[in-house]
Amino acid sequence: MALKLTIGKGDKIIMSDGVVIDLIHIGAKNSGQVTLAFEAPQEIRINAIFQDSRKQFKRLKGERDGNRH
C-alpha cells in the first residue's frame, strides 16, 4: 500500500527513525519536477530509482567512486 500526499513548498514529512523529507522547490508549471531534501541518520541508506537509465547509471557510478549523494 502506498501513501500519496499533496504538500507545498516548505512542508515536511517526518518518518520513523529520524527521517525528514522537506519539499524545498517546485519546478516550473507543468515540469513535473520538485526538489526534495532528505535528513536521516548516517546508518539509513537513501536510494533513488530513476525512470531515465542514464541518470540511474550516473548515480551508481558516483557510489562506486565513493561519492554518496
N, C-alpha and C. Protein backbone atom coordinates (compact mmCIF):
# COMPACT_ATOMS: atom_id res chain seq x y z
N MET A 1 0.84 -1.18 0.00
CA MET A 1 0.00 0.00 0.00
C MET A 1 0.89 1.24 0.00
N ALA A 2 0.52 2.23 -0.78
CA ALA A 2 1.27 3.47 -0.87
C ALA A 2 0.46 4.61 -0.27
N LEU A 3 1.16 5.56 0.28
CA LEU A 3 0.54 6.77 0.81
C LEU A 3 0.84 7.90 -0.16
N LYS A 4 -0.18 8.58 -0.65
CA LYS A 4 0.01 9.71 -1.54
C LYS A 4 -0.39 10.98 -0.81
N LEU A 5 0.49 11.96 -0.84
CA LEU A 5 0.25 13.23 -0.15
C LEU A 5 0.38 14.38 -1.13
N THR A 6 -0.38 15.42 -0.90
CA THR A 6 -0.20 16.67 -1.63
C THR A 6 0.37 17.65 -0.62
N ILE A 7 1.59 18.13 -0.91
CA ILE A 7 2.24 19.06 0.01
C ILE A 7 2.74 20.27 -0.78
N GLY A 8 3.05 21.32 -0.06
CA GLY A 8 3.52 22.54 -0.70
C GLY A 8 4.95 22.86 -0.28
N LYS A 9 5.52 23.85 -0.96
CA LYS A 9 6.89 24.27 -0.67
C LYS A 9 7.03 24.61 0.81
N GLY A 10 8.08 24.10 1.42
CA GLY A 10 8.33 24.33 2.84
C GLY A 10 7.71 23.30 3.75
N ASP A 11 6.80 22.47 3.22
CA ASP A 11 6.20 21.40 4.02
C ASP A 11 7.22 20.29 4.23
N LYS A 12 7.07 19.58 5.32
CA LYS A 12 7.98 18.47 5.65
C LYS A 12 7.18 17.22 5.94
N ILE A 13 7.79 16.10 5.67
CA ILE A 13 7.24 14.80 6.03
C ILE A 13 8.21 14.20 7.02
N ILE A 14 7.72 13.82 8.18
CA ILE A 14 8.57 13.23 9.22
C ILE A 14 8.23 11.75 9.31
N MET A 15 9.25 10.92 9.16
CA MET A 15 9.07 9.47 9.19
C MET A 15 9.76 8.91 10.43
N SER A 16 9.60 7.63 10.64
CA SER A 16 10.25 6.99 11.78
C SER A 16 11.76 6.99 11.60
N ASP A 17 12.47 6.67 12.64
CA ASP A 17 13.93 6.58 12.65
C ASP A 17 14.62 7.90 12.33
N GLY A 18 13.95 9.02 12.56
CA GLY A 18 14.59 10.32 12.38
C GLY A 18 14.71 10.77 10.94
N VAL A 19 13.91 10.25 10.03
CA VAL A 19 13.96 10.63 8.63
C VAL A 19 12.99 11.79 8.40
N VAL A 20 13.49 12.87 7.81
CA VAL A 20 12.67 14.04 7.49
C VAL A 20 12.84 14.34 6.01
N ILE A 21 11.72 14.52 5.30
CA ILE A 21 11.73 14.88 3.89
C ILE A 21 11.14 16.27 3.78
N ASP A 22 11.87 17.17 3.13
CA ASP A 22 11.48 18.57 3.04
C ASP A 22 11.32 18.94 1.57
N LEU A 23 10.16 19.48 1.19
CA LEU A 23 9.95 19.97 -0.17
C LEU A 23 10.52 21.37 -0.25
N ILE A 24 11.63 21.53 -1.00
CA ILE A 24 12.30 22.83 -1.00
C ILE A 24 12.12 23.62 -2.29
N HIS A 25 11.69 22.96 -3.37
CA HIS A 25 11.49 23.70 -4.62
C HIS A 25 10.48 22.99 -5.50
N ILE A 26 9.61 23.75 -6.09
CA ILE A 26 8.66 23.22 -7.06
C ILE A 26 9.05 23.79 -8.42
N GLY A 27 9.26 22.90 -9.40
CA GLY A 27 9.70 23.31 -10.73
C GLY A 27 8.68 24.19 -11.43
N ALA A 28 9.05 24.62 -12.63
CA ALA A 28 8.17 25.44 -13.44
C ALA A 28 6.85 24.72 -13.67
N LYS A 29 5.81 25.48 -13.90
CA LYS A 29 4.48 24.92 -14.10
C LYS A 29 4.52 23.82 -15.15
N ASN A 30 3.92 22.70 -14.83
CA ASN A 30 3.83 21.51 -15.69
C ASN A 30 5.17 20.83 -15.97
N SER A 31 6.23 21.17 -15.21
CA SER A 31 7.51 20.50 -15.43
C SER A 31 7.52 19.12 -14.79
N GLY A 32 6.68 18.94 -13.77
CA GLY A 32 6.62 17.65 -13.09
C GLY A 32 7.79 17.39 -12.17
N GLN A 33 8.57 18.42 -11.86
CA GLN A 33 9.75 18.22 -11.02
C GLN A 33 9.63 19.01 -9.72
N VAL A 34 10.11 18.38 -8.66
CA VAL A 34 10.24 19.04 -7.37
C VAL A 34 11.63 18.73 -6.83
N THR A 35 12.09 19.53 -5.90
CA THR A 35 13.37 19.27 -5.25
C THR A 35 13.08 18.93 -3.80
N LEU A 36 13.57 17.78 -3.37
CA LEU A 36 13.37 17.31 -2.01
C LEU A 36 14.70 17.27 -1.29
N ALA A 37 14.67 17.55 0.01
CA ALA A 37 15.85 17.39 0.86
C ALA A 37 15.53 16.29 1.87
N PHE A 38 16.47 15.37 2.04
CA PHE A 38 16.30 14.26 2.97
C PHE A 38 17.29 14.41 4.11
N GLU A 39 16.78 14.31 5.33
CA GLU A 39 17.63 14.29 6.52
C GLU A 39 17.42 12.92 7.16
N ALA A 40 18.52 12.23 7.45
CA ALA A 40 18.42 10.91 8.06
C ALA A 40 19.72 10.59 8.78
N PRO A 41 19.64 9.75 9.80
CA PRO A 41 20.88 9.30 10.43
C PRO A 41 21.77 8.62 9.39
N GLN A 42 23.07 8.70 9.58
CA GLN A 42 24.03 8.20 8.60
C GLN A 42 23.84 6.72 8.29
N GLU A 43 23.35 5.94 9.24
CA GLU A 43 23.22 4.50 9.01
C GLU A 43 22.00 4.14 8.14
N ILE A 44 21.15 5.12 7.86
CA ILE A 44 19.99 4.86 6.99
C ILE A 44 20.37 5.21 5.56
N ARG A 45 20.26 4.24 4.70
CA ARG A 45 20.62 4.41 3.29
C ARG A 45 19.40 4.95 2.53
N ILE A 46 19.64 5.95 1.68
CA ILE A 46 18.58 6.53 0.85
C ILE A 46 18.94 6.26 -0.59
N ASN A 47 18.05 5.61 -1.31
CA ASN A 47 18.29 5.28 -2.72
C ASN A 47 17.22 5.94 -3.58
N ALA A 48 17.60 6.27 -4.79
CA ALA A 48 16.64 6.81 -5.77
C ALA A 48 16.60 5.86 -6.96
N ILE A 49 15.43 5.67 -7.51
CA ILE A 49 15.27 4.87 -8.72
C ILE A 49 14.72 5.80 -9.79
N PHE A 50 15.49 6.01 -10.85
CA PHE A 50 15.12 6.93 -11.90
C PHE A 50 14.52 6.18 -13.09
N GLN A 51 13.55 6.80 -13.75
CA GLN A 51 12.99 6.22 -14.97
C GLN A 51 14.01 6.28 -16.09
N ASP A 52 14.83 7.32 -16.11
CA ASP A 52 15.86 7.50 -17.13
C ASP A 52 17.09 6.71 -16.72
N SER A 53 17.40 5.65 -17.44
CA SER A 53 18.52 4.78 -17.06
C SER A 53 19.85 5.51 -17.06
N ARG A 54 19.99 6.58 -17.84
CA ARG A 54 21.27 7.33 -17.84
C ARG A 54 21.48 8.00 -16.48
N LYS A 55 20.40 8.52 -15.88
CA LYS A 55 20.51 9.10 -14.54
C LYS A 55 20.83 8.03 -13.51
N GLN A 56 20.21 6.88 -13.66
CA GLN A 56 20.45 5.79 -12.72
C GLN A 56 21.91 5.36 -12.77
N PHE A 57 22.43 5.21 -13.99
CA PHE A 57 23.83 4.80 -14.15
C PHE A 57 24.77 5.83 -13.55
N LYS A 58 24.49 7.12 -13.80
CA LYS A 58 25.34 8.19 -13.26
C LYS A 58 25.36 8.12 -11.73
N ARG A 59 24.22 7.88 -11.11
CA ARG A 59 24.13 7.78 -9.64
C ARG A 59 24.94 6.59 -9.14
N LEU A 60 24.78 5.43 -9.79
CA LEU A 60 25.51 4.24 -9.36
C LEU A 60 27.01 4.41 -9.54
N LYS A 61 27.45 5.07 -10.62
CA LYS A 61 28.87 5.31 -10.84
C LYS A 61 29.44 6.17 -9.71
N GLY A 62 28.69 7.19 -9.28
CA GLY A 62 29.15 8.05 -8.19
C GLY A 62 29.32 7.27 -6.90
N GLU A 63 28.43 6.31 -6.63
CA GLU A 63 28.56 5.49 -5.42
C GLU A 63 29.79 4.60 -5.50
N ARG A 64 30.07 4.05 -6.67
CA ARG A 64 31.26 3.20 -6.82
C ARG A 64 32.52 4.00 -6.63
N ASP A 65 32.49 5.29 -7.02
CA ASP A 65 33.65 6.15 -6.89
C ASP A 65 33.79 6.73 -5.48
N GLY A 66 32.86 6.38 -4.59
CA GLY A 66 32.92 6.85 -3.22
C GLY A 66 32.19 8.14 -2.94
N ASN A 67 31.44 8.64 -3.93
CA ASN A 67 30.67 9.88 -3.73
C ASN A 67 29.25 9.52 -3.38
N ARG A 68 28.86 9.76 -2.15
CA ARG A 68 27.48 9.49 -1.73
C ARG A 68 26.69 10.77 -1.83
N HIS A 69 25.59 10.76 -2.58
CA HIS A 69 24.76 11.96 -2.78
C HIS A 69 23.63 11.97 -1.82
